[in-house]
Amino acid sequence: MDRETWVHPPVVAAEAPSTRAAAWRYRLASAVLLLLVAAIVGWLFLKFSNVTGGEDPGIGLSRPHSPAAAGR
């Protein structure tokens, strides 16, 4: 097609997108991404730390189960 015969489509004026909406989209996307990363880190911690293995990790407030305490 020859360059002189090409007809350009008309330029349609459009209102500029809202910067307020863009800021809220950024905030929402950031919050979702932060929650996703926190969930993945939490899942990895539970998967590889053996916290859910049924053993007492020794962090609780209960009395320690040691032989010296059992003899009293």
N, C-alpha and C. Protein backbone atom coordinates (compact mmCIF):
# COMPACT_ATOMS: atom_id res chain seq x y z
N MET A 1 0.85 -1.17 0.00
CA MET A 1 0.00 0.00 0.00
C MET A 1 0.89 1.23 0.00
N ASP A 2 0.55 2.12 -0.83
CA ASP A 2 1.34 3.34 -0.97
C ASP A 2 1.11 4.24 0.24
N ARG A 3 2.16 4.92 0.67
CA ARG A 3 2.08 5.74 1.88
C ARG A 3 1.09 6.91 1.71
N GLU A 4 0.96 7.46 0.54
CA GLU A 4 0.08 8.60 0.34
C GLU A 4 -1.40 8.22 0.39
N THR A 5 -1.72 6.95 0.19
CA THR A 5 -3.13 6.54 0.19
C THR A 5 -3.61 6.10 1.58
N TRP A 6 -2.71 5.97 2.54
CA TRP A 6 -3.11 5.57 3.89
C TRP A 6 -3.85 6.70 4.58
N VAL A 7 -5.01 6.36 5.16
CA VAL A 7 -5.81 7.34 5.89
C VAL A 7 -5.67 7.04 7.37
N HIS A 8 -5.23 8.03 8.13
CA HIS A 8 -5.07 7.85 9.57
C HIS A 8 -6.42 7.84 10.26
N PRO A 9 -6.57 6.98 11.26
CA PRO A 9 -7.83 7.00 12.00
C PRO A 9 -7.95 8.31 12.79
N PRO A 10 -9.17 8.73 13.07
CA PRO A 10 -9.33 9.98 13.81
C PRO A 10 -8.83 9.85 15.24
N VAL A 11 -8.28 10.91 15.77
CA VAL A 11 -7.82 10.93 17.15
C VAL A 11 -9.00 11.27 18.04
N VAL A 12 -9.29 10.40 18.99
CA VAL A 12 -10.43 10.60 19.89
C VAL A 12 -9.88 11.13 21.21
N ALA A 13 -10.42 12.22 21.64
CA ALA A 13 -10.00 12.79 22.92
C ALA A 13 -10.56 11.95 24.05
N ALA A 14 -9.71 11.63 25.00
CA ALA A 14 -10.13 10.84 26.16
C ALA A 14 -9.65 11.54 27.42
N GLU A 15 -10.46 11.41 28.45
CA GLU A 15 -10.10 12.04 29.72
C GLU A 15 -8.93 11.26 30.34
N ALA A 16 -8.03 11.98 30.95
CA ALA A 16 -6.88 11.34 31.58
C ALA A 16 -7.34 10.48 32.74
N PRO A 17 -6.69 9.33 32.95
CA PRO A 17 -7.08 8.48 34.07
C PRO A 17 -6.82 9.17 35.41
N SER A 18 -7.61 8.83 36.39
CA SER A 18 -7.53 9.46 37.70
C SER A 18 -6.25 9.04 38.43
N THR A 19 -5.54 10.00 38.97
CA THR A 19 -4.34 9.67 39.76
C THR A 19 -4.74 9.12 41.12
N ARG A 20 -5.90 9.51 41.61
CA ARG A 20 -6.39 8.97 42.89
C ARG A 20 -6.68 7.48 42.75
N ALA A 21 -7.32 7.10 41.65
CA ALA A 21 -7.60 5.68 41.42
C ALA A 21 -6.30 4.90 41.25
N ALA A 22 -5.33 5.50 40.58
CA ALA A 22 -4.04 4.82 40.39
C ALA A 22 -3.34 4.61 41.73
N ALA A 23 -3.43 5.59 42.61
CA ALA A 23 -2.80 5.45 43.93
C ALA A 23 -3.46 4.33 44.73
N TRP A 24 -4.78 4.22 44.67
CA TRP A 24 -5.47 3.16 45.40
C TRP A 24 -5.20 1.80 44.78
N ARG A 25 -5.08 1.73 43.46
CA ARG A 25 -4.72 0.46 42.83
C ARG A 25 -3.33 0.03 43.28
N TYR A 26 -2.41 0.98 43.37
CA TYR A 26 -1.05 0.67 43.84
C TYR A 26 -1.07 0.18 45.28
N ARG A 27 -1.83 0.86 46.13
CA ARG A 27 -1.92 0.46 47.54
C ARG A 27 -2.52 -0.93 47.69
N LEU A 28 -3.58 -1.20 46.92
CA LEU A 28 -4.23 -2.51 47.00
C LEU A 28 -3.30 -3.61 46.50
N ALA A 29 -2.64 -3.38 45.39
CA ALA A 29 -1.70 -4.37 44.86
C ALA A 29 -0.54 -4.60 45.83
N SER A 30 -0.05 -3.54 46.47
CA SER A 30 1.04 -3.68 47.44
C SER A 30 0.59 -4.49 48.65
N ALA A 31 -0.62 -4.24 49.14
CA ALA A 31 -1.13 -4.97 50.29
C ALA A 31 -1.32 -6.45 49.96
N VAL A 32 -1.86 -6.73 48.78
CA VAL A 32 -2.05 -8.13 48.38
C VAL A 32 -0.70 -8.83 48.25
N LEU A 33 0.27 -8.16 47.67
CA LEU A 33 1.60 -8.74 47.51
C LEU A 33 2.26 -8.97 48.88
N LEU A 34 2.10 -8.03 49.80
CA LEU A 34 2.67 -8.19 51.14
C LEU A 34 2.03 -9.37 51.86
N LEU A 35 0.71 -9.51 51.76
CA LEU A 35 0.03 -10.64 52.40
C LEU A 35 0.45 -11.97 51.77
N LEU A 36 0.64 -11.97 50.47
CA LEU A 36 1.08 -13.18 49.80
C LEU A 36 2.48 -13.59 50.25
N VAL A 37 3.38 -12.63 50.32
CA VAL A 37 4.75 -12.93 50.78
C VAL A 37 4.73 -13.41 52.23
N ALA A 38 3.93 -12.77 53.09
CA ALA A 38 3.83 -13.18 54.50
C ALA A 38 3.27 -14.60 54.60
N ALA A 39 2.28 -14.93 53.79
CA ALA A 39 1.71 -16.28 53.82
C ALA A 39 2.72 -17.31 53.36
N ILE A 40 3.49 -16.99 52.34
CA ILE A 40 4.51 -17.93 51.85
C ILE A 40 5.61 -18.13 52.89
N VAL A 41 6.05 -17.05 53.53
CA VAL A 41 7.08 -17.16 54.57
C VAL A 41 6.55 -17.98 55.75
N GLY A 42 5.30 -17.73 56.16
CA GLY A 42 4.70 -18.51 57.24
C GLY A 42 4.58 -19.97 56.90
N TRP A 43 4.16 -20.25 55.66
CA TRP A 43 4.05 -21.65 55.24
C TRP A 43 5.41 -22.33 55.22
N LEU A 44 6.42 -21.63 54.71
CA LEU A 44 7.77 -22.20 54.69
C LEU A 44 8.30 -22.43 56.10
N PHE A 45 8.00 -21.50 57.02
CA PHE A 45 8.43 -21.67 58.41
C PHE A 45 7.80 -22.92 59.03
N LEU A 46 6.49 -23.08 58.84
CA LEU A 46 5.82 -24.25 59.40
C LEU A 46 6.26 -25.54 58.72
N LYS A 47 6.57 -25.46 57.45
CA LYS A 47 6.97 -26.65 56.70
C LYS A 47 8.34 -27.15 57.14
N PHE A 48 9.29 -26.24 57.34
CA PHE A 48 10.67 -26.65 57.58
C PHE A 48 11.15 -26.51 59.02
N SER A 49 10.34 -25.97 59.93
CA SER A 49 10.82 -25.78 61.30
C SER A 49 10.39 -26.87 62.25
N ASN A 50 9.55 -27.78 61.80
CA ASN A 50 9.06 -28.89 62.64
C ASN A 50 8.28 -28.40 63.85
N VAL A 51 7.71 -27.23 63.79
CA VAL A 51 6.90 -26.72 64.90
C VAL A 51 5.64 -27.54 65.03
N THR A 52 5.08 -28.00 63.93
CA THR A 52 3.84 -28.76 63.98
C THR A 52 4.08 -30.26 64.09
N GLY A 53 5.27 -30.67 64.50
CA GLY A 53 5.59 -32.09 64.61
C GLY A 53 5.04 -32.76 65.84
N GLY A 54 4.33 -32.05 66.70
CA GLY A 54 3.75 -32.63 67.90
C GLY A 54 4.69 -32.61 69.10
N GLU A 55 5.88 -32.12 68.95
CA GLU A 55 6.81 -32.06 70.06
C GLU A 55 6.71 -30.70 70.74
N ASP A 56 7.06 -30.66 72.02
CA ASP A 56 7.05 -29.41 72.76
C ASP A 56 8.31 -28.64 72.40
N PRO A 57 8.17 -27.46 71.79
CA PRO A 57 9.38 -26.72 71.41
C PRO A 57 10.07 -26.04 72.58
N GLY A 58 9.46 -26.08 73.77
CA GLY A 58 10.09 -25.48 74.94
C GLY A 58 9.85 -24.00 75.08
N ILE A 59 8.89 -23.47 74.36
CA ILE A 59 8.63 -22.04 74.40
C ILE A 59 7.48 -21.71 75.35
N GLY A 60 6.63 -22.69 75.66
CA GLY A 60 5.42 -22.46 76.43
C GLY A 60 5.70 -22.07 77.88
N LEU A 61 4.63 -21.74 78.59
CA LEU A 61 4.76 -21.31 79.98
C LEU A 61 4.59 -22.46 80.97
N SER A 62 4.40 -23.67 80.48
CA SER A 62 4.22 -24.81 81.38
C SER A 62 5.55 -25.15 82.07
N ARG A 63 5.44 -25.93 83.15
CA ARG A 63 6.64 -26.35 83.87
C ARG A 63 7.51 -27.22 82.99
N PRO A 64 8.81 -27.08 83.09
CA PRO A 64 9.69 -27.93 82.27
C PRO A 64 9.60 -29.38 82.70
N HIS A 65 9.64 -30.26 81.75
CA HIS A 65 9.57 -31.71 82.04
C HIS A 65 10.99 -32.25 82.07
N SER A 66 11.62 -32.12 83.20
CA SER A 66 12.98 -32.62 83.34
C SER A 66 13.01 -33.64 84.47
N PRO A 67 13.96 -34.55 84.49
CA PRO A 67 14.02 -35.55 85.56
C PRO A 67 14.19 -34.93 86.95
N ALA A 68 14.87 -33.83 87.05
CA ALA A 68 15.06 -33.19 88.35
C ALA A 68 13.74 -32.66 88.90
N ALA A 69 12.89 -32.13 88.07
CA ALA A 69 11.60 -31.61 88.51
C ALA A 69 10.63 -32.75 88.84
N ALA A 70 10.78 -33.92 88.20
CA ALA A 70 9.89 -35.04 88.43
C ALA A 70 10.18 -35.71 89.77
N GLY A 71 11.40 -35.61 90.28
CA GLY A 71 11.77 -36.26 91.53
C GLY A 71 11.31 -35.50 92.76
N ARG A 72 10.80 -34.31 92.64
CA ARG A 72 10.41 -33.54 93.83
C ARG A 72 9.12 -33.98 94.42
